[in-house]
Protein backbone atom coordinates (compact mmCIF):
# COMPACT_ATOMS: atom_id res chain seq x y z
CA MET A 1 0.01 0.01 0.02
CA CYS A 2 1.41 3.34 -0.92
CA ILE A 3 2.05 6.16 1.51
CA ILE A 4 -0.73 8.15 0.12
CA MET A 5 -3.16 5.22 0.90
CA GLN A 6 -1.97 5.13 4.40
CA THR A 7 -2.43 8.81 4.79
CA ILE A 8 -5.82 8.72 3.49
CA MET A 9 -7.03 5.75 5.71
CA LYS A 10 -5.88 7.67 8.73
CA TYR A 11 -7.59 10.91 7.83
CA LYS A 12 -10.58 10.01 6.06
CA ARG A 13 -12.80 10.28 9.25
CA THR A 14 -11.70 13.79 9.77
CA ASN A 15 -13.63 16.87 8.25
CA SER A 16 -10.67 17.86 6.03
CA SER A 17 -11.37 19.42 2.74
CA ALA A 18 -10.40 17.90 -0.61
CA LEU A 19 -7.60 20.22 -0.60
CA HIS A 20 -6.14 19.00 2.65
CA PHE A 21 -6.45 15.47 1.28
CA LEU A 22 -4.56 16.39 -1.82
CA ILE A 23 -2.04 18.06 -0.06
CA LEU A 24 -1.50 15.21 2.33
CA ALA A 25 -1.45 12.90 -0.74
CA LEU A 26 0.94 14.75 -3.00
CA PHE A 27 3.29 16.50 -0.70
CA LEU A 28 4.37 13.94 1.98
CA PRO A 29 8.03 14.33 2.93
CA SER A 30 10.19 11.99 1.28
CA SER A 31 11.85 10.79 4.38
CA SER A 32 8.66 8.85 4.81
CA LEU A 33 9.75 6.67 1.92
CA PRO A 34 12.34 3.89 1.91
CA GLY A 35 15.66 4.67 0.49
CA GLU A 36 17.50 2.76 -2.42
CA ILE A 37 21.01 1.90 -2.00
CA VAL A 38 22.95 3.38 -5.27
CA PHE A 39 26.59 3.07 -3.91
CA ASP A 40 28.16 0.53 -1.65
CA SER A 41 32.04 0.74 -0.90
CA PHE A 42 32.14 -2.68 0.94
CA THR A 43 32.81 -5.78 -0.71
CA PRO A 44 32.86 -8.70 1.48
CA PRO A 45 34.60 -10.43 2.94
CA SER A 46 36.29 -8.02 5.07
CA THR A 47 40.02 -7.82 4.05
CA ASP A 48 41.04 -4.70 6.13
CA GLY A 49 40.20 -3.16 9.49
CA GLY A 50 41.53 -1.81 12.59
CA GLY A 51 40.47 0.30 15.73
CA SER A 52 39.61 3.91 15.80
CA SER A 53 40.07 6.06 18.93
CA ALA A 54 37.13 8.15 20.37
CA ASN A 55 36.51 11.77 19.48
CA ALA A 56 37.87 11.16 15.95
CA GLY A 57 36.56 9.73 12.45
CA VAL A 58 37.28 8.80 9.00
CA ALA A 59 35.99 9.44 5.58
CA ILE A 60 36.46 7.75 2.16
CA GLN A 61 37.46 9.65 -0.95
CA LEU A 62 35.05 9.52 -3.71
CA SER A 63 34.79 10.69 -7.34
CA VAL A 64 31.43 11.68 -8.87
CA SER A 65 30.83 11.39 -12.62
CA SER A 66 27.26 12.57 -12.67
CA ASP A 67 24.93 14.61 -10.23
CA LEU A 68 23.25 12.49 -7.59
CA THR A 69 21.06 13.82 -4.74
CA ILE A 70 21.49 11.50 -1.72
CA THR A 71 18.94 11.11 1.20
CA GLY A 72 20.83 8.91 3.35
CA ILE A 73 24.37 7.72 4.38
CA SER A 74 25.26 4.30 6.13
CA ILE A 75 28.47 3.28 7.62
CA LEU A 76 29.83 -0.12 8.64
CA ASN A 77 31.57 -0.46 11.98
CA GLN A 78 31.65 -2.27 15.36
CA MET A 79 30.85 -0.06 18.32
CA LEU A 80 32.96 -1.02 21.21
CA ALA A 81 30.61 1.00 23.58
CA PRO A 82 27.47 2.73 23.32
CA GLY A 83 27.94 6.17 21.70
CA ASN A 84 27.09 8.73 19.42
CA LEU A 85 28.02 9.10 15.57
CA ARG A 86 27.96 12.19 13.39
CA PHE A 87 27.87 11.51 9.67
CA ALA A 88 29.73 14.11 7.37
CA ILE A 89 30.37 15.03 3.93
CA LEU A 90 33.45 17.20 3.10
CA SER A 91 34.58 18.92 -0.03
CA TYR A 92 38.00 17.74 -1.63
CA ARG A 93 40.66 18.74 -2.46
CA GLN A 94 40.27 21.59 -0.04
CA PRO A 95 38.57 19.89 2.66
CA ASP A 96 35.56 21.93 4.18
CA PHE A 97 32.45 20.32 5.97
CA LEU A 98 29.59 20.52 3.55
CA LEU A 99 27.61 18.38 5.71
CA LEU A 100 27.56 17.38 9.47
CA THR A 101 24.60 15.79 11.31
CA ASP A 102 23.52 16.11 14.77
CA PRO A 103 24.76 13.18 17.00
CA ILE A 104 22.72 10.13 16.70
CA ALA A 105 22.99 7.42 19.53
CA PHE A 106 23.89 3.90 18.77
CA THR A 107 24.19 0.73 20.98
CA ILE A 108 27.20 -1.51 21.38
CA ASP A 109 27.72 -4.11 18.91
CA ALA A 110 28.06 -7.63 19.82
CA PRO A 111 31.80 -8.87 19.85
CA GLY A 112 33.24 -9.20 16.36
CA ILE A 113 29.99 -8.30 14.51
CA PRO A 114 29.86 -5.00 12.87
CA THR A 115 26.68 -3.39 11.55
CA TRP A 116 25.49 -0.92 9.52
CA LYS A 117 24.51 2.69 11.00
CA ASP A 118 22.03 4.99 9.30
CA SER A 119 22.38 8.74 9.03
CA GLY A 120 18.31 9.09 8.96
CA ALA A 121 17.03 11.33 6.39
CA ILE A 122 19.30 13.97 4.76
CA MET A 123 19.39 15.82 1.43
CA PHE A 124 22.74 16.66 -0.30
CA THR A 125 23.70 16.89 -3.95
CA LEU A 126 27.07 15.43 -5.13
CA ASN A 127 27.94 17.42 -8.26
CA ALA A 128 29.41 15.71 -11.29
CA GLY A 129 33.20 16.37 -11.88
CA ASN A 130 34.00 16.85 -7.99
CA GLN A 131 35.63 14.72 -5.24
CA TYR A 132 34.11 14.35 -1.89
CA LEU A 133 35.06 12.91 1.60
CA VAL A 134 32.22 10.80 3.09
CA GLY A 135 32.29 9.31 6.49
CA TYR A 136 31.71 10.03 10.24
CA VAL A 137 33.12 10.94 13.67
CA THR A 138 32.53 9.10 16.88
CA ASP A 139 32.69 9.90 20.56
CA VAL A 140 33.61 6.26 21.40
CA GLU A 141 36.20 3.75 20.15
CA VAL A 142 35.05 1.45 17.32
CA ASN A 143 36.47 -1.07 14.93
CA GLU A 144 36.61 -0.26 11.15
CA VAL A 145 35.72 -2.59 8.42
CA GLY A 146 37.17 -2.22 5.03
CA ASP A 147 38.28 -3.56 1.80
CA HIS A 148 40.62 -2.88 -1.09
CA VAL A 149 37.93 -2.83 -3.90
CA ALA A 150 37.27 0.22 -5.82
CA GLU A 151 33.44 0.14 -6.02
CA SER A 152 31.33 2.20 -8.36
CA GLY A 153 27.45 3.10 -8.42
CA GLY A 154 25.22 5.69 -9.08
CA GLY A 155 28.01 7.71 -10.79
CA VAL A 156 30.13 7.38 -7.84
CA THR A 157 33.44 5.78 -7.50
CA SER A 158 35.69 4.93 -4.43
CA ASP A 159 39.12 6.23 -5.04
CA LEU A 160 40.47 3.93 -2.35
CA TYR A 161 41.80 6.59 0.02
CA LEU A 162 40.96 7.14 3.83
CA HIS A 163 41.22 10.59 5.21
CA CYS A 164 41.43 11.03 9.01
CA ILE A 165 39.06 13.54 11.13
CA ASN A 166 39.83 15.09 14.49
CA GLY A 167 37.34 15.86 17.19
CA PHE A 168 33.55 15.32 17.74
CA GLN A 169 31.80 18.35 18.77
CA SER A 170 33.77 20.61 16.44
CA PRO A 171 35.33 18.22 14.19
CA THR A 172 38.26 19.31 11.82
CA TYR A 173 40.02 17.68 8.88
CA SER A 174 43.07 15.98 9.85
CA HIS A 175 45.12 14.34 6.88
CA ALA A 176 44.99 11.67 4.03
CA CYS A 177 45.79 8.76 6.11
CA ILE A 178 45.66 5.44 4.32
CA SER A 179 45.82 4.83 0.53
CA GLY A 180 44.59 1.51 -1.34
CA THR A 181 41.75 1.00 1.12
CA ASP A 182 38.09 2.17 2.00
CA ILE A 183 35.52 1.45 4.76
CA GLY A 184 31.98 0.49 4.31
CA VAL A 185 29.97 3.37 3.14
CA ARG A 186 26.57 3.36 1.45
CA LEU A 187 24.68 6.05 -0.19
CA GLU A 188 20.92 6.26 -0.61
CA VAL A 189 18.42 7.88 -2.90
CA ILE A 190 14.63 8.15 -2.83
CA PRO A 191 13.50 6.62 -5.96
CA GLU A 192 11.16 8.85 -8.21
CA PRO A 193 7.74 7.90 -8.26
CA SER A 194 6.29 6.91 -11.79
CA PRO A 195 3.81 8.99 -13.40
CA LEU A 196 1.26 5.94 -13.39
CA THR A 197 1.87 6.01 -9.47
CA LEU A 198 1.19 9.55 -9.09
CA LEU A 199 -2.02 9.15 -11.04
CA PHE A 200 -3.20 6.23 -9.09
CA CYS A 201 -2.45 7.60 -5.91
CA GLY A 202 -3.87 11.00 -6.74
CA GLY A 203 -7.15 9.41 -8.12
CA THR A 204 -7.35 7.07 -5.13
CA ALA A 205 -7.10 10.21 -2.72
CA TRP A 206 -9.88 11.85 -4.54
CA PHE A 207 -12.19 8.72 -4.58
CA PHE A 208 -12.06 8.35 -0.53
CA TRP A 209 -12.48 12.16 -0.23
CA MET A 210 -15.75 11.76 -2.52
CA LEU A 211 -16.70 8.53 -0.53
CA SER A 212 -16.40 10.40 2.73
CA ARG A 213 -18.18 13.59 1.70
CA LYS A 214 -21.19 11.10 0.29
CA LYS A 215 -21.48 9.62 3.78
CA LYS A 216 -21.31 13.03 5.42
CA ASN A 217 -24.26 14.11 3.35
CA ALA A 218 -26.40 11.14 3.68
């Protein structure tokens, strides 16, 4: 069932006007929709890894060949204690923070079992012809998980270079630290709905409004 159907079922017993229904149907925030992974820099099995200290972070270097608006970032690591992560995008070759999320709390991972951590909804456009650093900072110790494969997807390619970041509350770029490897980073997008889907959901919204109006006037 599409998001619009869910919204209609929730609100069909209210006295909202047709305009309200259509607004809810057509302008729901994209964060309500599931993301599609278009780039994944981890090719298992893990061939590289190591510990990272608290109040620091790491980012992978990416080259972009076509514009891509991402709506989520995920990273793969093992949290050695409950703590917080902040997801980051930096420009390159002159590193400046272009995006830095608020701290997000995560629980400790089971021994030896890394898991994917998600940034939640963001909105950022990676522009063709540019390079970026995408990663995170942490306020607790973690184990990184990486490989030596230069993955590509969605017009994005891993340059197989890790960059180090200092700090957590006010992080700063440190230096390019390891070549020939990257850590697990995923980029997500919200797929554009097809015209047929928009037509169906809009028509369904109108039908339920007409039905509720008929019942009200009966």
